[in-house]
């Protein structure tokens, strides 16, 4: 059954192999909705994951096969096996080609559904931490979510006004993303979002915040950064994505992004809504000026 525990902090779990007689969970983390946070306890009997109603983990999604995968406790640890599914089973985005052992913290992907495997010494505490994590992290891309973005931006704007320090916001939208879903399928679209987020994270500083704003739109808050410097970062992101080849199964494709950038030099009384509106206006200009460009 789904639970709604609360916790105050999230600590990344150590990657440990699960051993027999140690509690272990699969936690549903994506897609969001009523099933998010549901945990499935691994015991002596295997967990069968699939679309059929008699599966232990029933997922009524077309991307999931009738009997998709099996997760079971063995003397060596918890092992996942793909059962000849159409779309495959993945552990940390690596395809499962035979019995594959799960380590604490691994991500198990079945169709377009993602589970987090927890098997630490204090698995109950890790479960509570994972639920808190889901309130601030987008499970598909591992970027922060919209809620975390708004809270972070609000704090930075208050600090900017009080101390006269600059802060910038970049809004990024994937050009013609619908064509990827239409041509290659939604699983390829999900893959593209994950890989694009990873590319952007390679450019982002630790003190900044990168978030999925919604759908194929992302946001980046750059602290202590004026408009010229923010535009340079945005252009570096645009070039990185433009030059990357996305490879999904047997398909290859490229993506471009349009980016709108707004900034305040500090000392300005500015709300979060107004800052987002300014960046969104620049994004709109970038889109209507031909796409694949930065407007600041």
C-alpha atoms as a PDB file:
ATOM      1  CA  UNK A   1       0.000   0.000   0.000  1.00  0.00           C
ATOM      2  CA  UNK A   2       1.081   3.576  -0.598  1.00  0.00           C
ATOM      3  CA  UNK A   3       2.303   5.460   2.466  1.00  0.00           C
ATOM      4  CA  UNK A   4       2.929   9.155   3.092  1.00  0.00           C
ATOM      5  CA  UNK A   5       5.812   9.379   5.553  1.00  0.00           C
ATOM      6  CA  UNK A   6       7.658  12.612   6.244  1.00  0.00           C
ATOM      7  CA  UNK A   7      11.344  13.272   6.745  1.00  0.00           C
ATOM      8  CA  UNK A   8      13.461  16.392   6.931  1.00  0.00           C
ATOM      9  CA  UNK A   9      16.620  15.437   5.052  1.00  0.00           C
ATOM     10  CA  UNK A  10      17.737  13.284   2.169  1.00  0.00           C
ATOM     11  CA  UNK A  11      21.073  11.490   2.268  1.00  0.00           C
ATOM     12  CA  UNK A  12      22.130   9.620  -0.876  1.00  0.00           C
ATOM     13  CA  UNK A  13      22.129   5.891   0.000  1.00  0.00           C
ATOM     14  CA  UNK A  14      25.360   3.951  -0.279  1.00  0.00           C
ATOM     15  CA  UNK A  15      25.437   1.351  -3.044  1.00  0.00           C
ATOM     16  CA  UNK A  16      25.401  -1.990  -1.228  1.00  0.00           C
ATOM     17  CA  UNK A  17      24.464  -5.419  -2.452  1.00  0.00           C
ATOM     18  CA  UNK A  18      21.344  -6.843  -0.831  1.00  0.00           C
ATOM     19  CA  UNK A  19      21.779 -10.099   1.062  1.00  0.00           C
ATOM     20  CA  UNK A  20      19.276 -12.780   1.904  1.00  0.00           C
ATOM     21  CA  UNK A  21      17.126 -12.154   4.994  1.00  0.00           C
ATOM     22  CA  UNK A  22      17.774  -8.404   4.767  1.00  0.00           C
ATOM     23  CA  UNK A  23      14.665  -6.290   4.065  1.00  0.00           C
ATOM     24  CA  UNK A  24      14.548  -4.865   0.554  1.00  0.00           C
ATOM     25  CA  UNK A  25      12.023  -2.707  -1.317  1.00  0.00           C
ATOM     26  CA  UNK A  26      11.201  -1.667  -4.822  1.00  0.00           C
ATOM     27  CA  UNK A  27       9.811   1.890  -4.659  1.00  0.00           C
ATOM     28  CA  UNK A  28       7.736   3.258  -7.562  1.00  0.00           C
ATOM     29  CA  UNK A  29       9.166   6.687  -8.378  1.00  0.00           C
ATOM     30  CA  UNK A  30       7.975   7.374 -11.965  1.00  0.00           C
ATOM     31  CA  UNK A  31       5.535   8.264 -13.484  1.00  0.00           C
ATOM     32  CA  UNK A  32       4.190  10.592 -10.833  1.00  0.00           C
ATOM     33  CA  UNK A  33       0.642  10.049  -9.689  1.00  0.00           C
ATOM     34  CA  UNK A  34      -1.266   7.760  -7.368  1.00  0.00           C
ATOM     35  CA  UNK A  35       1.339   4.973  -7.602  1.00  0.00           C
ATOM     36  CA  UNK A  36       4.324   7.184  -6.746  1.00  0.00           C
ATOM     37  CA  UNK A  37       5.902   6.086  -3.481  1.00  0.00           C
ATOM     38  CA  UNK A  38       4.276   2.657  -3.491  1.00  0.00           C
ATOM     39  CA  UNK A  39       6.705   0.091  -2.114  1.00  0.00           C
ATOM     40  CA  UNK A  40       6.922  -3.603  -2.903  1.00  0.00           C
ATOM     41  CA  UNK A  41       8.632  -5.719  -0.264  1.00  0.00           C
ATOM     42  CA  UNK A  42      10.957  -8.449  -1.520  1.00  0.00           C
ATOM     43  CA  UNK A  43      10.580 -11.675   0.439  1.00  0.00           C
ATOM     44  CA  UNK A  44      11.137 -15.354  -0.300  1.00  0.00           C
ATOM     45  CA  UNK A  45       8.795 -15.420  -3.297  1.00  0.00           C
ATOM     46  CA  UNK A  46       9.821 -13.662  -6.550  1.00  0.00           C
ATOM     47  CA  UNK A  47       8.104 -10.449  -7.611  1.00  0.00           C
ATOM     48  CA  UNK A  48       6.634 -10.723 -11.090  1.00  0.00           C
ATOM     49  CA  UNK A  49       6.356  -7.350 -12.875  1.00  0.00           C
ATOM     50  CA  UNK A  50       4.036  -6.981 -15.841  1.00  0.00           C
ATOM     51  CA  UNK A  51       0.760  -5.821 -17.309  1.00  0.00           C
ATOM     52  CA  UNK A  52      -1.276  -8.919 -16.355  1.00  0.00           C
ATOM     53  CA  UNK A  53      -3.570  -8.599 -13.355  1.00  0.00           C
ATOM     54  CA  UNK A  54      -2.028 -11.604 -11.607  1.00  0.00           C
ATOM     55  CA  UNK A  55       1.454 -10.014 -11.519  1.00  0.00           C
ATOM     56  CA  UNK A  56       2.739  -9.010  -8.088  1.00  0.00           C
ATOM     57  CA  UNK A  57       3.570  -5.581  -9.517  1.00  0.00           C
ATOM     58  CA  UNK A  58       0.808  -4.830 -12.015  1.00  0.00           C
ATOM     59  CA  UNK A  59       1.526  -1.906 -14.349  1.00  0.00           C
ATOM     60  CA  UNK A  60      -1.334  -1.186 -16.782  1.00  0.00           C
ATOM     61  CA  UNK A  61       0.926   0.529 -19.336  1.00  0.00           C
ATOM     62  CA  UNK A  62       1.330  -0.395 -23.010  1.00  0.00           C
ATOM     63  CA  UNK A  63       5.108   0.029 -22.679  1.00  0.00           C
ATOM     64  CA  UNK A  64       5.105  -2.905 -20.227  1.00  0.00           C
ATOM     65  CA  UNK A  65       4.809  -6.501 -21.440  1.00  0.00           C
ATOM     66  CA  UNK A  66       2.258  -8.907 -19.974  1.00  0.00           C
ATOM     67  CA  UNK A  67       5.034 -10.624 -18.047  1.00  0.00           C
ATOM     68  CA  UNK A  68       7.943  -8.246 -18.237  1.00  0.00           C
ATOM     69  CA  UNK A  69      10.518  -9.024 -15.536  1.00  0.00           C
ATOM     70  CA  UNK A  70      11.133 -11.034 -12.388  1.00  0.00           C
ATOM     71  CA  UNK A  71      12.889  -9.816  -9.240  1.00  0.00           C
ATOM     72  CA  UNK A  72      13.884 -12.410  -6.652  1.00  0.00           C
ATOM     73  CA  UNK A  73      16.001 -12.887  -3.558  1.00  0.00           C
ATOM     74  CA  UNK A  74      18.907 -15.328  -3.999  1.00  0.00           C
ATOM     75  CA  UNK A  75      21.808 -16.349  -1.745  1.00  0.00           C
ATOM     76  CA  UNK A  76      23.993 -13.895  -3.693  1.00  0.00           C
ATOM     77  CA  UNK A  77      21.543 -11.010  -3.399  1.00  0.00           C
ATOM     78  CA  UNK A  78      18.499  -9.634  -5.235  1.00  0.00           C
ATOM     79  CA  UNK A  79      18.503 -10.477  -8.933  1.00  0.00           C
ATOM     80  CA  UNK A  80      16.365  -9.105 -11.791  1.00  0.00           C
ATOM     81  CA  UNK A  81      15.700 -11.097 -14.962  1.00  0.00           C
ATOM     82  CA  UNK A  82      14.026  -9.851 -18.121  1.00  0.00           C
ATOM     83  CA  UNK A  83      11.318 -12.252 -19.336  1.00  0.00           C
ATOM     84  CA  UNK A  84      11.648 -11.562 -23.055  1.00  0.00           C
ATOM     85  CA  UNK A  85       9.833  -8.222 -22.845  1.00  0.00           C
ATOM     86  CA  UNK A  86       9.222  -6.077 -25.911  1.00  0.00           C
ATOM     87  CA  UNK A  87      10.847  -2.907 -24.583  1.00  0.00           C
ATOM     88  CA  UNK A  88      13.459  -4.452 -22.329  1.00  0.00           C
ATOM     89  CA  UNK A  89      14.406  -4.091 -18.673  1.00  0.00           C
ATOM     90  CA  UNK A  90      17.154  -1.697 -17.579  1.00  0.00           C
ATOM     91  CA  UNK A  91      19.250  -1.189 -14.466  1.00  0.00           C
ATOM     92  CA  UNK A  92      20.719   2.324 -14.293  1.00  0.00           C
ATOM     93  CA  UNK A  93      19.930   2.630 -18.029  1.00  0.00           C
ATOM     94  CA  UNK A  94      21.975  -0.490 -18.851  1.00  0.00           C
ATOM     95  CA  UNK A  95      19.951  -3.283 -20.528  1.00  0.00           C
ATOM     96  CA  UNK A  96      19.415  -6.475 -18.545  1.00  0.00           C
ATOM     97  CA  UNK A  97      20.743  -9.310 -20.725  1.00  0.00           C
ATOM     98  CA  UNK A  98      20.695 -12.049 -18.094  1.00  0.00           C
ATOM     99  CA  UNK A  99      20.184 -12.394 -14.339  1.00  0.00           C
ATOM    100  CA  UNK A 100      21.498  -9.081 -12.979  1.00  0.00           C
ATOM    101  CA  UNK A 101      22.177  -8.365  -9.328  1.00  0.00           C
ATOM    102  CA  UNK A 102      20.728  -5.174  -7.863  1.00  0.00           C
ATOM    103  CA  UNK A 103      22.682  -2.947  -5.487  1.00  0.00           C
ATOM    104  CA  UNK A 104      21.192  -0.543  -2.976  1.00  0.00           C
ATOM    105  CA  UNK A 105      20.131   2.659  -4.730  1.00  0.00           C
ATOM    106  CA  UNK A 106      19.906   1.176  -8.234  1.00  0.00           C
ATOM    107  CA  UNK A 107      17.223   2.373 -10.657  1.00  0.00           C
ATOM    108  CA  UNK A 108      15.152  -0.341 -12.306  1.00  0.00           C
ATOM    109  CA  UNK A 109      13.285   0.699 -15.461  1.00  0.00           C
ATOM    110  CA  UNK A 110      10.424  -1.409 -16.825  1.00  0.00           C
ATOM    111  CA  UNK A 111       8.832   0.159 -19.885  1.00  0.00           C
ATOM    112  CA  UNK A 112       8.423   3.820 -18.981  1.00  0.00           C
ATOM    113  CA  UNK A 113       8.129   3.054 -15.243  1.00  0.00           C
ATOM    114  CA  UNK A 114      11.061   3.543 -12.886  1.00  0.00           C
ATOM    115  CA  UNK A 115      11.617   1.891  -9.503  1.00  0.00           C
ATOM    116  CA  UNK A 116      14.313   2.619  -6.910  1.00  0.00           C
ATOM    117  CA  UNK A 117      15.793  -0.443  -5.231  1.00  0.00           C
ATOM    118  CA  UNK A 118      16.478   0.004  -1.507  1.00  0.00           C
ATOM    119  CA  UNK A 119      18.273  -2.636   0.535  1.00  0.00           C
ATOM    120  CA  UNK A 120      20.391  -0.888   3.159  1.00  0.00           C
ATOM    121  CA  UNK A 121      20.883  -1.743   6.815  1.00  0.00           C
ATOM    122  CA  UNK A 122      18.133   0.731   7.717  1.00  0.00           C
ATOM    123  CA  UNK A 123      15.865   0.280   4.731  1.00  0.00           C
ATOM    124  CA  UNK A 124      12.876   1.863   6.473  1.00  0.00           C
ATOM    125  CA  UNK A 125      14.786   5.106   6.992  1.00  0.00           C
ATOM    126  CA  UNK A 126      16.019   5.007   3.398  1.00  0.00           C
ATOM    127  CA  UNK A 127      12.439   4.592   2.214  1.00  0.00           C
ATOM    128  CA  UNK A 128      11.368   7.691   4.131  1.00  0.00           C
ATOM    129  CA  UNK A 129      14.331   9.595   2.679  1.00  0.00           C
ATOM    130  CA  UNK A 130      13.406   8.465  -0.819  1.00  0.00           C
ATOM    131  CA  UNK A 131       9.848   9.731  -0.406  1.00  0.00           C
ATOM    132  CA  UNK A 132      11.167  13.127   0.690  1.00  0.00           C
ATOM    133  CA  UNK A 133      13.534  13.103  -2.271  1.00  0.00           C
ATOM    134  CA  UNK A 134      10.580  12.595  -4.603  1.00  0.00           C
ATOM    135  CA  UNK A 135       9.138  15.899  -3.387  1.00  0.00           C
ATOM    136  CA  UNK A 136      12.130  17.869  -4.733  1.00  0.00           C
ATOM    137  CA  UNK A 137      13.594  15.717  -7.557  1.00  0.00           C
ATOM    138  CA  UNK A 138      12.121  14.838 -10.954  1.00  0.00           C
ATOM    139  CA  UNK A 139      12.432  11.053 -11.052  1.00  0.00           C
ATOM    140  CA  UNK A 140      12.811  10.763 -14.830  1.00  0.00           C
ATOM    141  CA  UNK A 141      15.660  13.255 -15.336  1.00  0.00           C
ATOM    142  CA  UNK A 142      17.112  13.449 -11.789  1.00  0.00           C
ATOM    143  CA  UNK A 143      16.947  17.244 -12.085  1.00  0.00           C
ATOM    144  CA  UNK A 144      15.197  19.241  -9.387  1.00  0.00           C
ATOM    145  CA  UNK A 145      11.464  19.637  -9.903  1.00  0.00           C
ATOM    146  CA  UNK A 146       9.309  22.727 -10.293  1.00  0.00           C
ATOM    147  CA  UNK A 147       8.610  22.991  -6.569  1.00  0.00           C
ATOM    148  CA  UNK A 148      12.318  23.009  -5.710  1.00  0.00           C
ATOM    149  CA  UNK A 149      12.968  25.553  -8.475  1.00  0.00           C
ATOM    150  CA  UNK A 150      10.367  28.026  -7.199  1.00  0.00           C
ATOM    151  CA  UNK A 151      11.571  27.770  -3.612  1.00  0.00           C
ATOM    152  CA  UNK A 152      15.230  28.204  -4.596  1.00  0.00           C
ATOM    153  CA  UNK A 153      14.538  31.127  -6.951  1.00  0.00           C
ATOM    154  CA  UNK A 154      12.414  32.870  -4.322  1.00  0.00           C
ATOM    155  CA  UNK A 155      15.255  32.643  -1.764  1.00  0.00           C
ATOM    156  CA  UNK A 156      17.849  33.895  -4.267  1.00  0.00           C
ATOM    157  CA  UNK A 157      15.716  36.869  -5.305  1.00  0.00           C
ATOM    158  CA  UNK A 158      15.284  37.886  -1.666  1.00  0.00           C
ATOM    159  CA  UNK A 159      19.055  37.637  -1.165  1.00  0.00           C
ATOM    160  CA  UNK A 160      19.664  39.562  -4.401  1.00  0.00           C
ATOM    161  CA  UNK A 161      17.422  42.396  -3.299  1.00  0.00           C
ATOM    162  CA  UNK A 162      18.807  42.542   0.235  1.00  0.00           C
ATOM    163  CA  UNK A 163      22.511  42.370  -0.613  1.00  0.00           C
ATOM    164  CA  UNK A 164      22.543  43.875  -4.094  1.00  0.00           C
ATOM    165  CA  UNK A 165      23.888  40.710  -5.734  1.00  0.00           C
ATOM    166  CA  UNK A 166      23.046  39.579  -9.287  1.00  0.00           C
ATOM    167  CA  UNK A 167      21.051  36.456 -10.118  1.00  0.00           C
ATOM    168  CA  UNK A 168      19.942  35.077 -13.477  1.00  0.00           C
ATOM    169  CA  UNK A 169      17.322  32.656 -14.744  1.00  0.00           C
ATOM    170  CA  UNK A 170      17.486  30.674 -17.996  1.00  0.00           C
ATOM    171  CA  UNK A 171      14.435  28.874 -19.390  1.00  0.00           C
ATOM    172  CA  UNK A 172      15.197  26.168 -21.946  1.00  0.00           C
ATOM    173  CA  UNK A 173      12.767  24.415 -24.277  1.00  0.00           C
ATOM    174  CA  UNK A 174      13.517  21.525 -26.670  1.00  0.00           C
ATOM    175  CA  UNK A 175      12.732  22.417 -30.267  1.00  0.00           C
ATOM    176  CA  UNK A 176      10.191  20.205 -32.061  1.00  0.00           C
ATOM    177  CA  UNK A 177      10.258  17.615 -29.269  1.00  0.00           C
ATOM    178  CA  UNK A 178       6.904  16.175 -30.336  1.00  0.00           C
ATOM    179  CA  UNK A 179       8.527  14.894 -33.541  1.00  0.00           C
ATOM    180  CA  UNK A 180      10.847  12.675 -31.452  1.00  0.00           C
ATOM    181  CA  UNK A 181       7.890  11.052 -29.707  1.00  0.00           C
ATOM    182  CA  UNK A 182       6.005  10.705 -32.989  1.00  0.00           C
ATOM    183  CA  UNK A 183       8.922   9.222 -34.931  1.00  0.00           C
ATOM    184  CA  UNK A 184      10.666   7.065 -32.328  1.00  0.00           C
ATOM    185  CA  UNK A 185       8.064   6.590 -29.568  1.00  0.00           C
ATOM    186  CA  UNK A 186       7.620   7.918 -26.051  1.00  0.00           C
ATOM    187  CA  UNK A 187      10.336   5.679 -24.598  1.00  0.00           C
ATOM    188  CA  UNK A 188      12.821   7.374 -26.919  1.00  0.00           C
ATOM    189  CA  UNK A 189      11.432  10.727 -25.787  1.00  0.00           C
ATOM    190  CA  UNK A 190      11.996   9.798 -22.139  1.00  0.00           C
ATOM    191  CA  UNK A 191      15.518   8.663 -22.991  1.00  0.00           C
ATOM    192  CA  UNK A 192      16.214  11.983 -24.729  1.00  0.00           C
ATOM    193  CA  UNK A 193      15.014  13.959 -21.699  1.00  0.00           C
ATOM    194  CA  UNK A 194      17.254  11.947 -19.377  1.00  0.00           C
ATOM    195  CA  UNK A 195      20.327  12.292 -21.579  1.00  0.00           C
ATOM    196  CA  UNK A 196      19.745  15.986 -22.238  1.00  0.00           C
ATOM    197  CA  UNK A 197      19.475  16.617 -18.491  1.00  0.00           C
ATOM    198  CA  UNK A 198      22.768  14.797 -17.988  1.00  0.00           C
ATOM    199  CA  UNK A 199      24.425  16.982 -20.632  1.00  0.00           C
ATOM    200  CA  UNK A 200      23.214  20.158 -18.941  1.00  0.00           C
ATOM    201  CA  UNK A 201      24.334  18.989 -15.490  1.00  0.00           C
ATOM    202  CA  UNK A 202      27.885  18.683 -16.856  1.00  0.00           C
ATOM    203  CA  UNK A 203      27.852  22.472 -17.427  1.00  0.00           C
ATOM    204  CA  UNK A 204      26.077  23.572 -14.223  1.00  0.00           C
ATOM    205  CA  UNK A 205      28.030  24.752 -11.175  1.00  0.00           C
ATOM    206  CA  UNK A 206      27.353  23.206  -7.767  1.00  0.00           C
ATOM    207  CA  UNK A 207      25.944  26.447  -6.373  1.00  0.00           C
ATOM    208  CA  UNK A 208      23.398  26.826  -9.180  1.00  0.00           C
ATOM    209  CA  UNK A 209      20.105  24.965  -9.488  1.00  0.00           C
ATOM    210  CA  UNK A 210      18.993  23.003 -12.540  1.00  0.00           C
ATOM    211  CA  UNK A 211      15.365  21.893 -12.692  1.00  0.00           C
ATOM    212  CA  UNK A 212      12.765  20.365 -14.961  1.00  0.00           C
ATOM    213  CA  UNK A 213      10.161  23.097 -15.261  1.00  0.00           C
ATOM    214  CA  UNK A 214       7.597  20.928 -17.042  1.00  0.00           C
ATOM    215  CA  UNK A 215       7.348  18.607 -20.044  1.00  0.00           C
ATOM    216  CA  UNK A 216      10.325  19.332 -22.293  1.00  0.00           C
ATOM    217  CA  UNK A 217      11.114  22.640 -20.569  1.00  0.00           C
ATOM    218  CA  UNK A 218      13.975  23.117 -18.101  1.00  0.00           C
ATOM    219  CA  UNK A 219      15.229  25.986 -15.955  1.00  0.00           C
ATOM    220  CA  UNK A 220      18.577  27.049 -14.576  1.00  0.00           C
ATOM    221  CA  UNK A 221      19.065  29.545 -11.732  1.00  0.00           C
ATOM    222  CA  UNK A 222      22.549  31.091 -11.801  1.00  0.00           C
ATOM    223  CA  UNK A 223      23.529  32.745  -8.538  1.00  0.00           C
ATOM    224  CA  UNK A 224      25.973  35.658  -8.384  1.00  0.00           C
ATOM    225  CA  UNK A 225      25.700  35.856 -12.184  1.00  0.00           C
ATOM    226  CA  UNK A 226      24.922  38.871 -14.353  1.00  0.00           C
ATOM    227  CA  UNK A 227      23.216  38.851 -17.734  1.00  0.00           C
ATOM    228  CA  UNK A 228      26.324  38.642 -19.981  1.00  0.00           C
ATOM    229  CA  UNK A 229      27.772  35.707 -18.031  1.00  0.00           C
ATOM    230  CA  UNK A 230      24.377  33.936 -17.916  1.00  0.00           C
ATOM    231  CA  UNK A 231      24.031  34.330 -21.685  1.00  0.00           C
ATOM    232  CA  UNK A 232      27.479  32.744 -22.125  1.00  0.00           C
ATOM    233  CA  UNK A 233      26.454  29.745 -20.014  1.00  0.00           C
ATOM    234  CA  UNK A 234      23.220  29.400 -21.983  1.00  0.00           C
ATOM    235  CA  UNK A 235      25.118  29.523 -25.276  1.00  0.00           C
ATOM    236  CA  UNK A 236      27.514  26.832 -24.026  1.00  0.00           C
ATOM    237  CA  UNK A 237      24.533  24.631 -23.158  1.00  0.00           C
ATOM    238  CA  UNK A 238      22.947  25.271 -26.561  1.00  0.00           C
ATOM    239  CA  UNK A 239      26.151  24.304 -28.408  1.00  0.00           C
ATOM    240  CA  UNK A 240      26.654  21.199 -26.261  1.00  0.00           C
ATOM    241  CA  UNK A 241      23.183  19.891 -27.050  1.00  0.00           C
ATOM    242  CA  UNK A 242      23.356  20.825 -30.735  1.00  0.00           C
ATOM    243  CA  UNK A 243      26.600  18.867 -31.141  1.00  0.00           C
ATOM    244  CA  UNK A 244      25.430  15.744 -29.319  1.00  0.00           C
ATOM    245  CA  UNK A 245      24.166  12.637 -31.084  1.00  0.00           C
ATOM    246  CA  UNK A 246      21.355  10.890 -29.166  1.00  0.00           C
ATOM    247  CA  UNK A 247      21.425   7.121 -29.659  1.00  0.00           C
ATOM    248  CA  UNK A 248      18.396   5.102 -28.634  1.00  0.00           C
ATOM    249  CA  UNK A 249      18.462   1.406 -29.535  1.00  0.00           C
ATOM    250  CA  UNK A 250      19.068   1.374 -33.307  1.00  0.00           C
ATOM    251  CA  UNK A 251      18.092   5.002 -33.862  1.00  0.00           C
ATOM    252  CA  UNK A 252      20.171   8.177 -33.903  1.00  0.00           C
ATOM    253  CA  UNK A 253      18.828  11.708 -33.755  1.00  0.00           C
ATOM    254  CA  UNK A 254      19.834  15.227 -32.803  1.00  0.00           C
ATOM    255  CA  UNK A 255      18.109  17.903 -30.755  1.00  0.00           C
ATOM    256  CA  UNK A 256      18.326  21.655 -30.484  1.00  0.00           C
ATOM    257  CA  UNK A 257      17.066  23.971 -27.778  1.00  0.00           C
ATOM    258  CA  UNK A 258      15.842  27.528 -27.500  1.00  0.00           C
ATOM    259  CA  UNK A 259      16.842  29.450 -24.368  1.00  0.00           C
ATOM    260  CA  UNK A 260      15.525  32.654 -22.826  1.00  0.00           C
ATOM    261  CA  UNK A 261      17.633  34.419 -20.200  1.00  0.00           C
ATOM    262  CA  UNK A 262      16.668  37.122 -17.701  1.00  0.00           C
ATOM    263  CA  UNK A 263      18.715  38.627 -14.881  1.00  0.00           C
ATOM    264  CA  UNK A 264      18.643  41.231 -12.161  1.00  0.00           C
ATOM    265  CA  UNK A 265      21.770  43.125 -11.041  1.00  0.00           C
ATOM    266  CA  UNK A 266      20.522  43.099  -7.452  1.00  0.00           C
ATOM    267  CA  UNK A 267      18.771  45.597  -5.230  1.00  0.00           C
ATOM    268  CA  UNK A 268      15.633  45.245  -7.348  1.00  0.00           C
ATOM    269  CA  UNK A 269      12.288  44.352  -5.796  1.00  0.00           C
ATOM    270  CA  UNK A 270      11.379  41.425  -8.013  1.00  0.00           C
ATOM    271  CA  UNK A 271       8.995  38.515  -7.473  1.00  0.00           C
ATOM    272  CA  UNK A 272       9.560  34.951  -8.625  1.00  0.00           C
ATOM    273  CA  UNK A 273       6.589  35.263 -10.972  1.00  0.00           C
ATOM    274  CA  UNK A 274       8.010  38.401 -12.591  1.00  0.00           C
ATOM    275  CA  UNK A 275      11.459  36.850 -13.032  1.00  0.00           C
ATOM    276  CA  UNK A 276       9.969  33.800 -14.720  1.00  0.00           C
ATOM    277  CA  UNK A 277       7.799  36.024 -16.917  1.00  0.00           C
ATOM    278  CA  UNK A 278      10.872  37.946 -18.117  1.00  0.00           C
ATOM    279  CA  UNK A 279      12.769  34.750 -18.971  1.00  0.00           C
ATOM    280  CA  UNK A 280       9.684  33.272 -20.626  1.00  0.00           C
ATOM    281  CA  UNK A 281       9.323  36.356 -22.842  1.00  0.00           C
ATOM    282  CA  UNK A 282      12.916  35.889 -24.018  1.00  0.00           C
ATOM    283  CA  UNK A 283      12.274  32.195 -24.638  1.00  0.00           C
ATOM    284  CA  UNK A 284       9.246  33.141 -26.727  1.00  0.00           C
ATOM    285  CA  UNK A 285      11.429  35.509 -28.765  1.00  0.00           C
ATOM    286  CA  UNK A 286      14.036  32.776 -29.289  1.00  0.00           C
ATOM    287  CA  UNK A 287      11.353  30.372 -30.509  1.00  0.00           C
ATOM    288  CA  UNK A 288       9.837  32.858 -32.920  1.00  0.00           C
ATOM    289  CA  UNK A 289      13.217  34.019 -34.237  1.00  0.00           C
ATOM    290  CA  UNK A 290      14.010  30.617 -35.699  1.00  0.00           C
ATOM    291  CA  UNK A 291      14.724  28.394 -32.656  1.00  0.00           C
ATOM    292  CA  UNK A 292      18.103  26.906 -31.685  1.00  0.00           C
ATOM    293  CA  UNK A 293      19.270  30.202 -30.216  1.00  0.00           C
ATOM    294  CA  UNK A 294      19.744  32.135 -26.981  1.00  0.00           C
ATOM    295  CA  UNK A 295      17.772  35.322 -26.363  1.00  0.00           C
ATOM    296  CA  UNK A 296      18.948  37.417 -23.427  1.00  0.00           C
END
